[in-house]
């Protein structure tokens, strides 16, 4: 019996050992997908993804990239993470996509650089954070720095150093075919599966000096997606979304100012405004455009309280339109012209509606103070013949009846307020109700 149990235990250990070896023998490739602006959210996502690939012991970490560029600070964080990675990092420009501006640096820093059919790379000339061209002195400094940075990356990876310099200084760009011919990338692949197939057998040297031979044949592909918070923050970093949030925020604040105490529009407006500032902070915006948009809403509000015969409102519409058009000056980050037109029309219509409500309110008969007493019912405290005292609204008033005599306790209707004296008429005349 003891031998039987020993046999079962040995068999179980053998099965666990075999399954463990089988599991260890199956390579894994982790894939990250980046589509859109390079910003702090993307930098955090890539850092997390490479970290997970290192924990998994993945044979490679692939970054599928499609970007018009983004913030230099975020790009540098990503490049530094790739260089220091403890797992081979492959950057693959997705078919039909592009790796412009900051994306070019990321591709150049990869252990293996690849591109899909119809993709492009290049145009990495730096611009100011507000989107406009840099002043001459600053431009020269930026060109020198980023040109040197790009050449260093290219030299480190054994790629075309001369073209790397042109990408920064001359905004040079290449198609996937040209990039492979000019030794800017290492290979072309039709899709992720084709890429993984071609990676098998490649040798990569990590920063530590360790040389790793990629074993990707029959590898398990593990997609590491953005988390819910990362997706939300990345979504609002889109120029169109940022513009919509800014517009809603301004409308909410304006509505709260027009109608104090409604609370809800003010709260929603404040939240949208803060989110828009966060979003715009991750984009190459023109701050003059933001100031013009804020000025526009200030002019709309001023129109309500100052009689300008519509001049302030017209100035607000012009300021909003111009500010929206120049908010993003970089050709890589443009707000949809149709969206701009829609926002201007909606804001103008909203303002006209609010002005109409205010005008109608001002034209209504005054419903407070003494004038509001007209039509109220009072009770005679003394006889009115024709003058006496009535009680109304918790107060005693001197009153004069229009005709006849009113006995104490009878009800009268106020027809006019004349200073501190009321004009009244009998509610129930003799002869009927």
Protein backbone atom coordinates (compact mmCIF):
# COMPACT_ATOMS: atom_id res chain seq x y z
CA UNK A 1 0.00 0.00 0.00
CA UNK A 2 2.84 2.33 0.90
CA UNK A 3 4.45 1.65 -2.48
CA UNK A 4 1.18 2.54 -4.20
CA UNK A 5 1.01 5.95 -2.49
CA UNK A 6 4.67 6.60 -3.25
CA UNK A 7 3.94 5.80 -6.87
CA UNK A 8 1.01 8.26 -6.99
CA UNK A 9 3.06 11.01 -5.38
CA UNK A 10 5.96 10.43 -7.76
CA UNK A 11 3.58 10.43 -10.72
CA UNK A 12 2.02 13.72 -9.58
CA UNK A 13 5.41 15.36 -9.16
CA UNK A 14 6.45 14.11 -12.58
CA UNK A 15 3.30 15.55 -14.20
CA UNK A 16 3.82 18.92 -12.46
CA UNK A 17 7.46 18.95 -13.60
CA UNK A 18 6.54 18.13 -17.18
CA UNK A 19 3.75 20.75 -17.29
CA UNK A 20 6.05 23.34 -15.74
CA UNK A 21 8.71 22.67 -18.35
CA UNK A 22 6.10 22.82 -21.11
CA UNK A 23 4.81 26.11 -19.77
CA UNK A 24 8.31 27.52 -19.46
CA UNK A 25 9.11 26.38 -22.97
CA UNK A 26 6.23 28.38 -24.47
CA UNK A 27 7.52 31.90 -25.26
CA UNK A 28 5.31 34.95 -24.74
CA UNK A 29 5.23 38.24 -26.60
CA UNK A 30 3.53 41.21 -24.92
CA UNK A 31 1.96 43.82 -27.22
CA UNK A 32 1.13 47.45 -26.34
CA UNK A 33 -0.99 49.59 -28.66
CA UNK A 34 -0.52 53.35 -28.90
CA UNK A 35 -2.66 55.41 -31.26
CA UNK A 36 -2.73 59.18 -30.81
CA UNK A 37 -0.78 61.91 -29.08
CA UNK A 38 2.35 61.14 -27.09
CA UNK A 39 1.61 62.53 -23.64
CA UNK A 40 2.11 61.65 -19.94
CA UNK A 41 -0.73 59.11 -20.09
CA UNK A 42 0.97 57.21 -22.92
CA UNK A 43 4.32 57.45 -21.15
CA UNK A 44 2.79 55.90 -18.03
CA UNK A 45 1.07 53.18 -20.06
CA UNK A 46 4.28 52.18 -21.86
CA UNK A 47 6.23 52.19 -18.61
CA UNK A 48 3.62 49.91 -17.03
CA UNK A 49 3.52 47.66 -20.10
CA UNK A 50 7.28 47.16 -20.29
CA UNK A 51 7.33 46.52 -16.56
CA UNK A 52 4.72 43.76 -16.94
CA UNK A 53 6.67 42.25 -19.85
CA UNK A 54 9.73 42.13 -17.61
CA UNK A 55 7.72 40.47 -14.85
CA UNK A 56 6.24 37.94 -17.29
CA UNK A 57 9.67 37.08 -18.62
CA UNK A 58 8.37 37.85 -22.10
CA UNK A 59 10.71 37.13 -24.97
CA UNK A 60 9.86 40.58 -26.40
CA UNK A 61 7.63 43.59 -25.84
CA UNK A 62 6.10 45.07 -29.00
CA UNK A 63 4.81 48.65 -29.10
CA UNK A 64 2.39 49.07 -32.01
CA UNK A 65 2.62 52.79 -32.76
CA UNK A 66 0.57 55.29 -34.74
CA UNK A 67 1.16 58.88 -33.64
CA UNK A 68 1.44 62.41 -35.07
CA UNK A 69 3.83 63.28 -32.23
CA UNK A 70 3.36 64.95 -28.90
CA UNK A 71 5.21 66.33 -25.92
CA UNK A 72 9.00 66.13 -25.92
CA UNK A 73 9.05 65.50 -22.17
CA UNK A 74 6.81 62.43 -22.50
CA UNK A 75 8.83 61.21 -25.49
CA UNK A 76 12.05 61.39 -23.47
CA UNK A 77 10.47 59.38 -20.64
CA UNK A 78 9.44 56.67 -23.12
CA UNK A 79 12.83 56.59 -24.85
CA UNK A 80 14.63 56.31 -21.51
CA UNK A 81 12.34 53.45 -20.45
CA UNK A 82 12.98 51.56 -23.71
CA UNK A 83 16.75 51.99 -23.46
CA UNK A 84 16.76 50.71 -19.86
CA UNK A 85 14.32 47.87 -20.49
CA UNK A 86 15.32 44.40 -19.30
CA UNK A 87 13.39 42.85 -22.18
CA UNK A 88 13.85 43.48 -25.94
CA UNK A 89 11.50 46.24 -27.08
CA UNK A 90 10.22 46.26 -30.67
CA UNK A 91 8.47 49.40 -32.01
CA UNK A 92 6.18 48.65 -34.95
CA UNK A 93 4.55 51.48 -36.92
CA UNK A 94 1.14 50.04 -37.74
CA UNK A 95 0.04 49.65 -41.39
CA UNK A 96 -1.15 52.98 -42.79
CA UNK A 97 0.03 54.74 -39.62
CA UNK A 98 2.83 57.18 -38.97
CA UNK A 99 5.56 57.88 -36.47
CA UNK A 100 5.97 61.63 -36.80
CA UNK A 101 7.80 64.04 -34.53
CA UNK A 102 8.11 62.40 -31.07
CA UNK A 103 7.15 59.08 -32.64
CA UNK A 104 10.33 59.13 -34.74
CA UNK A 105 12.49 59.28 -31.60
CA UNK A 106 10.57 56.37 -30.07
CA UNK A 107 11.07 54.22 -33.18
CA UNK A 108 14.75 55.10 -33.33
CA UNK A 109 15.27 54.10 -29.68
CA UNK A 110 13.78 50.61 -30.14
CA UNK A 111 15.97 47.50 -30.03
CA UNK A 112 14.21 46.48 -33.25
CA UNK A 113 12.35 49.01 -35.43
CA UNK A 114 9.69 47.84 -37.87
CA UNK A 115 7.02 49.39 -40.08
CA UNK A 116 3.87 48.17 -41.78
CA UNK A 117 2.72 48.75 -45.38
CA UNK A 118 1.70 52.32 -46.17
CA UNK A 119 3.22 53.77 -43.00
CA UNK A 120 5.64 56.71 -42.72
CA UNK A 121 8.24 58.10 -40.36
CA UNK A 122 9.94 61.48 -39.85
CA UNK A 123 9.23 65.21 -39.61
CA UNK A 124 10.76 65.53 -36.14
CA UNK A 125 11.54 69.28 -36.13
CA UNK A 126 10.76 70.69 -32.65
CA UNK A 127 8.14 73.40 -32.12
CA UNK A 128 7.21 75.48 -29.09
CA UNK A 129 4.76 74.16 -26.54
CA UNK A 130 2.18 76.61 -27.84
CA UNK A 131 2.52 75.25 -31.35
CA UNK A 132 4.21 78.21 -33.02
CA UNK A 133 7.70 78.36 -34.45
CA UNK A 134 10.44 78.86 -31.88
CA UNK A 135 12.36 82.16 -31.65
CA UNK A 136 15.60 82.00 -33.64
CA UNK A 137 17.96 81.57 -30.66
CA UNK A 138 15.77 78.98 -28.95
CA UNK A 139 15.16 77.24 -32.25
CA UNK A 140 18.89 76.80 -32.81
CA UNK A 141 19.37 75.41 -29.31
CA UNK A 142 16.44 73.01 -29.73
CA UNK A 143 17.66 71.88 -33.15
CA UNK A 144 21.14 71.22 -31.81
CA UNK A 145 19.86 69.27 -28.82
CA UNK A 146 17.25 67.13 -30.57
CA UNK A 147 19.47 66.56 -33.59
CA UNK A 148 22.24 65.29 -31.32
CA UNK A 149 19.72 63.21 -29.37
CA UNK A 150 18.34 61.59 -32.52
CA UNK A 151 21.81 60.87 -33.92
CA UNK A 152 22.85 59.27 -30.63
CA UNK A 153 19.86 56.95 -30.72
CA UNK A 154 20.50 56.03 -34.35
CA UNK A 155 24.19 55.37 -33.70
CA UNK A 156 23.41 53.27 -30.64
CA UNK A 157 21.07 51.06 -32.66
CA UNK A 158 23.28 50.96 -35.77
CA UNK A 159 20.87 52.92 -37.95
CA UNK A 160 21.22 55.74 -40.50
CA UNK A 161 22.74 58.62 -38.50
CA UNK A 162 22.72 61.04 -41.48
CA UNK A 163 18.98 60.64 -42.04
CA UNK A 164 18.33 60.92 -38.29
CA UNK A 165 19.87 64.40 -38.40
CA UNK A 166 17.77 65.38 -41.44
CA UNK A 167 14.57 64.25 -39.73
CA UNK A 168 15.16 66.92 -37.08
CA UNK A 169 16.83 69.72 -39.03
CA UNK A 170 14.94 69.39 -42.33
CA UNK A 171 11.74 67.61 -41.26
CA UNK A 172 12.70 64.72 -43.56
CA UNK A 173 10.20 61.86 -43.83
CA UNK A 174 10.24 58.38 -45.38
CA UNK A 175 7.79 55.69 -46.38
CA UNK A 176 8.15 52.20 -44.95
CA UNK A 177 9.91 51.00 -48.11
CA UNK A 178 12.32 53.95 -48.15
CA UNK A 179 13.00 53.59 -44.43
CA UNK A 180 14.06 49.96 -44.87
CA UNK A 181 16.22 50.77 -47.91
CA UNK A 182 17.99 53.61 -46.04
CA UNK A 183 18.60 51.58 -42.88
CA UNK A 184 16.27 53.67 -40.74
CA UNK A 185 14.32 50.57 -39.64
CA UNK A 186 15.22 46.90 -39.39
CA UNK A 187 12.32 45.21 -41.13
CA UNK A 188 8.85 45.52 -42.69
CA UNK A 189 5.90 43.37 -41.64
CA UNK A 190 2.33 43.10 -42.90
CA UNK A 191 0.84 42.78 -39.41
CA UNK A 192 1.65 41.75 -35.84
CA UNK A 193 1.62 38.04 -36.66
CA UNK A 194 4.01 38.55 -39.57
CA UNK A 195 6.23 40.67 -37.34
CA UNK A 196 6.36 38.04 -34.60
CA UNK A 197 7.21 35.40 -37.20
CA UNK A 198 10.09 37.50 -38.57
CA UNK A 199 11.48 38.28 -35.11
CA UNK A 200 12.31 34.66 -34.43
CA UNK A 201 16.09 34.24 -34.20
CA UNK A 202 16.96 37.96 -33.95
CA UNK A 203 19.73 38.82 -31.50
CA UNK A 204 19.30 41.87 -29.27
CA UNK A 205 21.81 43.40 -26.86
CA UNK A 206 20.30 45.02 -23.78
CA UNK A 207 21.86 47.98 -21.96
CA UNK A 208 23.35 45.55 -19.43
CA UNK A 209 25.35 43.94 -22.23
CA UNK A 210 23.29 40.75 -22.19
CA UNK A 211 22.64 39.35 -25.66
CA UNK A 212 19.21 37.76 -26.10
CA UNK A 213 18.12 35.61 -29.01
CA UNK A 214 14.41 36.05 -29.66
CA UNK A 215 12.38 32.86 -29.76
CA UNK A 216 9.00 33.88 -31.10
CA UNK A 217 7.96 30.82 -33.07
CA UNK A 218 4.55 29.66 -31.78
CA UNK A 219 4.73 32.35 -29.09
CA UNK A 220 1.65 33.27 -27.07
CA UNK A 221 0.60 36.84 -27.85
CA UNK A 222 -0.51 38.82 -24.79
CA UNK A 223 -2.11 42.23 -25.44
CA UNK A 224 -1.65 44.67 -22.59
CA UNK A 225 -4.36 47.29 -22.96
CA UNK A 226 -4.78 50.64 -21.25
CA UNK A 227 -6.68 50.58 -17.97
CA UNK A 228 -10.04 52.35 -17.58
CA UNK A 229 -8.47 55.48 -16.05
CA UNK A 230 -5.72 55.54 -18.66
CA UNK A 231 -8.29 55.25 -21.47
CA UNK A 232 -10.35 58.09 -20.00
CA UNK A 233 -7.39 60.44 -19.56
CA UNK A 234 -6.06 59.55 -23.00
CA UNK A 235 -9.48 60.15 -24.61
CA UNK A 236 -9.84 63.65 -23.20
CA UNK A 237 -6.34 64.51 -24.44
CA UNK A 238 -7.72 64.62 -28.00
CA UNK A 239 -7.79 68.25 -29.30
CA UNK A 240 -11.48 68.01 -30.28
CA UNK A 241 -12.50 66.57 -26.90
CA UNK A 242 -10.44 69.21 -25.09
CA UNK A 243 -12.18 71.94 -27.11
CA UNK A 244 -15.64 70.52 -26.36
CA UNK A 245 -14.85 70.30 -22.62
CA UNK A 246 -13.61 73.90 -22.63
CA UNK A 247 -16.81 75.08 -24.36
CA UNK A 248 -19.14 73.16 -22.03
CA UNK A 249 -17.19 74.43 -19.03
CA UNK A 250 -17.58 78.04 -20.15
CA UNK A 251 -21.29 77.58 -20.89
CA UNK A 252 -21.90 76.01 -17.49
CA UNK A 253 -20.14 78.84 -15.65
CA UNK A 254 -21.97 81.45 -17.75
CA UNK A 255 -25.37 79.86 -17.02
CA UNK A 256 -24.60 79.79 -13.31
CA UNK A 257 -23.71 83.48 -13.38
CA UNK A 258 -26.92 84.32 -15.26
CA UNK A 259 -29.03 82.29 -12.85
CA UNK A 260 -27.24 82.08 -9.47
CA UNK A 261 -28.23 79.21 -7.24
CA UNK A 262 -28.96 76.62 -9.94
CA UNK A 263 -25.74 74.86 -8.80
CA UNK A 264 -25.84 71.97 -11.32
CA UNK A 265 -24.64 73.97 -14.38
CA UNK A 266 -21.91 75.56 -12.29
CA UNK A 267 -20.67 72.24 -10.92
CA UNK A 268 -20.68 70.57 -14.36
CA UNK A 269 -19.04 73.64 -15.90
CA UNK A 270 -16.27 73.72 -13.29
CA UNK A 271 -15.53 70.00 -13.73
CA UNK A 272 -15.42 70.28 -17.54
CA UNK A 273 -13.26 73.39 -17.31
CA UNK A 274 -10.70 71.65 -15.08
CA UNK A 275 -10.66 68.58 -17.33
CA UNK A 276 -10.15 70.79 -20.38
CA UNK A 277 -7.17 72.52 -18.72
CA UNK A 278 -5.68 69.10 -17.93
CA UNK A 279 -6.23 68.00 -21.52
CA UNK A 280 -4.89 71.19 -23.07
CA UNK A 281 -1.84 70.91 -20.83
CA UNK A 282 -0.88 67.74 -22.73
CA UNK A 283 -1.24 69.36 -26.15
CA UNK A 284 0.82 71.93 -28.09
CA UNK A 285 -1.76 74.70 -27.69
CA UNK A 286 -1.61 78.40 -28.48
CA UNK A 287 -2.37 80.14 -25.19
CA UNK A 288 -3.51 83.27 -27.04
CA UNK A 289 -6.36 81.14 -28.39
CA UNK A 290 -7.37 80.10 -24.86
CA UNK A 291 -7.32 83.74 -23.71
CA UNK A 292 -9.51 84.79 -26.66
CA UNK A 293 -12.05 82.06 -25.87
CA UNK A 294 -12.19 83.09 -22.21
CA UNK A 295 -12.51 86.74 -23.32
CA UNK A 296 -15.43 85.77 -25.57
CA UNK A 297 -17.44 84.39 -22.67
CA UNK A 298 -16.52 87.42 -20.59
CA UNK A 299 -17.96 89.69 -23.32
CA UNK A 300 -21.15 87.60 -23.45
CA UNK A 301 -21.61 88.00 -19.71
CA UNK A 302 -20.87 91.75 -19.88
CA UNK A 303 -23.55 92.15 -22.59
CA UNK A 304 -26.20 91.07 -20.08
CA UNK A 305 -25.29 93.77 -17.56
CA UNK A 306 -24.11 96.57 -19.86
CA UNK A 307 -26.21 98.18 -22.58
CA UNK A 308 -24.02 98.01 -25.69
CA UNK A 309 -26.77 97.40 -28.28
CA UNK A 310 -25.17 94.06 -29.21
CA UNK A 311 -21.58 95.30 -29.72
CA UNK A 312 -20.21 93.26 -26.82
CA UNK A 313 -22.02 90.17 -28.09
CA UNK A 314 -20.59 90.63 -31.59
CA UNK A 315 -17.13 91.04 -30.08
CA UNK A 316 -17.69 87.83 -28.12
CA UNK A 317 -18.66 85.88 -31.25
CA UNK A 318 -15.60 87.19 -33.13
CA UNK A 319 -13.29 86.43 -30.20
CA UNK A 320 -14.69 82.90 -29.82
CA UNK A 321 -14.31 82.18 -33.54
CA UNK A 322 -10.75 83.50 -33.83
CA UNK A 323 -9.65 81.87 -30.57
CA UNK A 324 -11.03 78.51 -31.67
CA UNK A 325 -9.29 78.70 -35.04
CA UNK A 326 -5.84 79.46 -33.61
CA UNK A 327 -6.13 77.24 -30.52
CA UNK A 328 -4.09 74.53 -32.27
CA UNK A 329 -1.57 75.99 -34.68
CA UNK A 330 0.41 72.81 -35.30
CA UNK A 331 -0.76 71.01 -38.46
CA UNK A 332 -0.47 67.72 -36.55
CA UNK A 333 -3.07 68.80 -33.99
CA UNK A 334 -6.09 70.43 -35.58
CA UNK A 335 -9.64 70.94 -34.31
CA UNK A 336 -12.32 69.91 -36.79
CA UNK A 337 -13.59 73.10 -38.53
CA UNK A 338 -17.13 71.69 -38.44
CA UNK A 339 -16.85 71.33 -34.66
CA UNK A 340 -15.69 74.94 -34.34
CA UNK A 341 -18.66 76.13 -36.42
CA UNK A 342 -21.05 74.01 -34.36
CA UNK A 343 -19.75 75.32 -31.03
CA UNK A 344 -19.92 78.96 -32.19
CA UNK A 345 -23.51 78.48 -33.41
CA UNK A 346 -24.62 76.71 -30.21
CA UNK A 347 -23.00 79.30 -27.93
CA UNK A 348 -24.50 82.17 -29.95
CA UNK A 349 -27.97 80.57 -29.93
CA UNK A 350 -27.70 79.92 -26.18
CA UNK A 351 -26.71 83.52 -25.57
CA UNK A 352 -29.60 84.87 -27.69
CA UNK A 353 -32.00 82.62 -25.76
CA UNK A 354 -30.69 83.85 -22.40
CA UNK A 355 -30.88 87.49 -23.49
CA UNK A 356 -34.46 86.93 -24.65
CA UNK A 357 -35.45 85.45 -21.30
CA UNK A 358 -33.86 88.35 -19.44
CA UNK A 359 -35.58 90.96 -21.64
CA UNK A 360 -38.98 89.29 -21.18
CA UNK A 361 -38.44 89.15 -17.44
CA UNK A 362 -37.60 92.84 -17.30
CA UNK A 363 -40.75 93.74 -19.27
CA UNK A 364 -43.09 91.87 -16.90
CA UNK A 365 -45.09 93.97 -14.44
CA UNK A 366 -43.33 94.30 -11.13
CA UNK A 367 -44.52 91.59 -8.78
CA UNK A 368 -42.88 92.76 -5.56
CA UNK A 369 -43.36 95.65 -3.17
CA UNK A 370 -46.56 97.70 -2.90
CA UNK A 371 -47.56 97.15 -6.52
CA UNK A 372 -47.98 93.46 -5.72
CA UNK A 373 -50.83 94.35 -3.31
CA UNK A 374 -53.16 95.28 -6.17
CA UNK A 375 -55.81 92.57 -6.45
CA UNK A 376 -55.33 91.34 -2.89
CA UNK A 377 -58.29 90.93 -0.52
CA UNK A 378 -58.32 93.03 2.67
CA UNK A 379 -60.67 93.01 5.66
CA UNK A 380 -62.21 96.23 6.99
CA UNK A 381 -61.25 96.88 10.62
CA UNK A 382 -63.36 100.03 10.86
CA UNK A 383 -66.22 101.31 8.79
CA UNK A 384 -65.16 102.79 5.44
CA UNK A 385 -67.42 105.79 4.77
CA UNK A 386 -65.58 106.37 2.52
CA UNK A 387 -62.31 106.26 4.55
CA UNK A 388 -61.31 103.88 7.30
CA UNK A 389 -58.80 101.12 8.21
CA UNK A 390 -58.29 97.73 6.58
CA UNK A 391 -56.10 94.74 7.49
CA UNK A 392 -54.01 93.07 4.78
CA UNK A 393 -50.81 91.04 4.71
CA UNK A 394 -50.46 91.32 8.49
CA UNK A 395 -50.58 95.13 8.46
CA UNK A 396 -53.15 97.90 9.02
CA UNK A 397 -53.63 100.32 6.16
CA UNK A 398 -55.67 103.44 5.69
CA UNK A 399 -58.09 102.86 2.84
CA UNK A 400 -60.76 104.67 0.83
CA UNK A 401 -63.66 102.80 -0.76
CA UNK A 402 -64.63 103.70 -4.34
CA UNK A 403 -68.37 103.85 -3.63
CA UNK A 404 -70.81 103.02 -0.90
CA UNK A 405 -70.08 102.16 2.69
CA UNK A 406 -68.16 99.15 4.04
CA UNK A 407 -68.97 97.74 7.45
CA UNK A 408 -66.28 96.35 9.81
CA UNK A 409 -65.47 92.72 8.96
CA UNK A 410 -66.43 93.02 5.29
CA UNK A 411 -63.92 92.03 2.60
CA UNK A 412 -62.67 94.53 0.04
CA UNK A 413 -60.39 94.23 -2.98
CA UNK A 414 -57.40 96.55 -3.36
CA UNK A 415 -57.51 98.38 -6.70
CA UNK A 416 -54.70 100.88 -6.29
CA UNK A 417 -51.82 101.84 -3.97
CA UNK A 418 -51.55 105.58 -3.60
CA UNK A 419 -48.53 106.28 -1.38
CA UNK A 420 -49.53 105.02 2.08
CA UNK A 421 -53.26 104.89 1.26
CA UNK A 422 -55.12 102.11 -0.47
CA UNK A 423 -58.00 102.40 -2.90
CA UNK A 424 -60.45 99.54 -2.47
CA UNK A 425 -63.78 98.32 -3.74
CA UNK A 426 -66.34 96.10 -2.03
CA UNK A 427 -65.84 92.42 -2.82
CA UNK A 428 -69.55 91.60 -2.44
CA UNK A 429 -71.89 94.37 -3.41
CA UNK A 430 -75.49 94.43 -2.15
CA UNK A 431 -77.84 92.47 -4.26
CA UNK A 432 -75.60 89.39 -4.84
CA UNK A 433 -72.30 87.70 -4.61
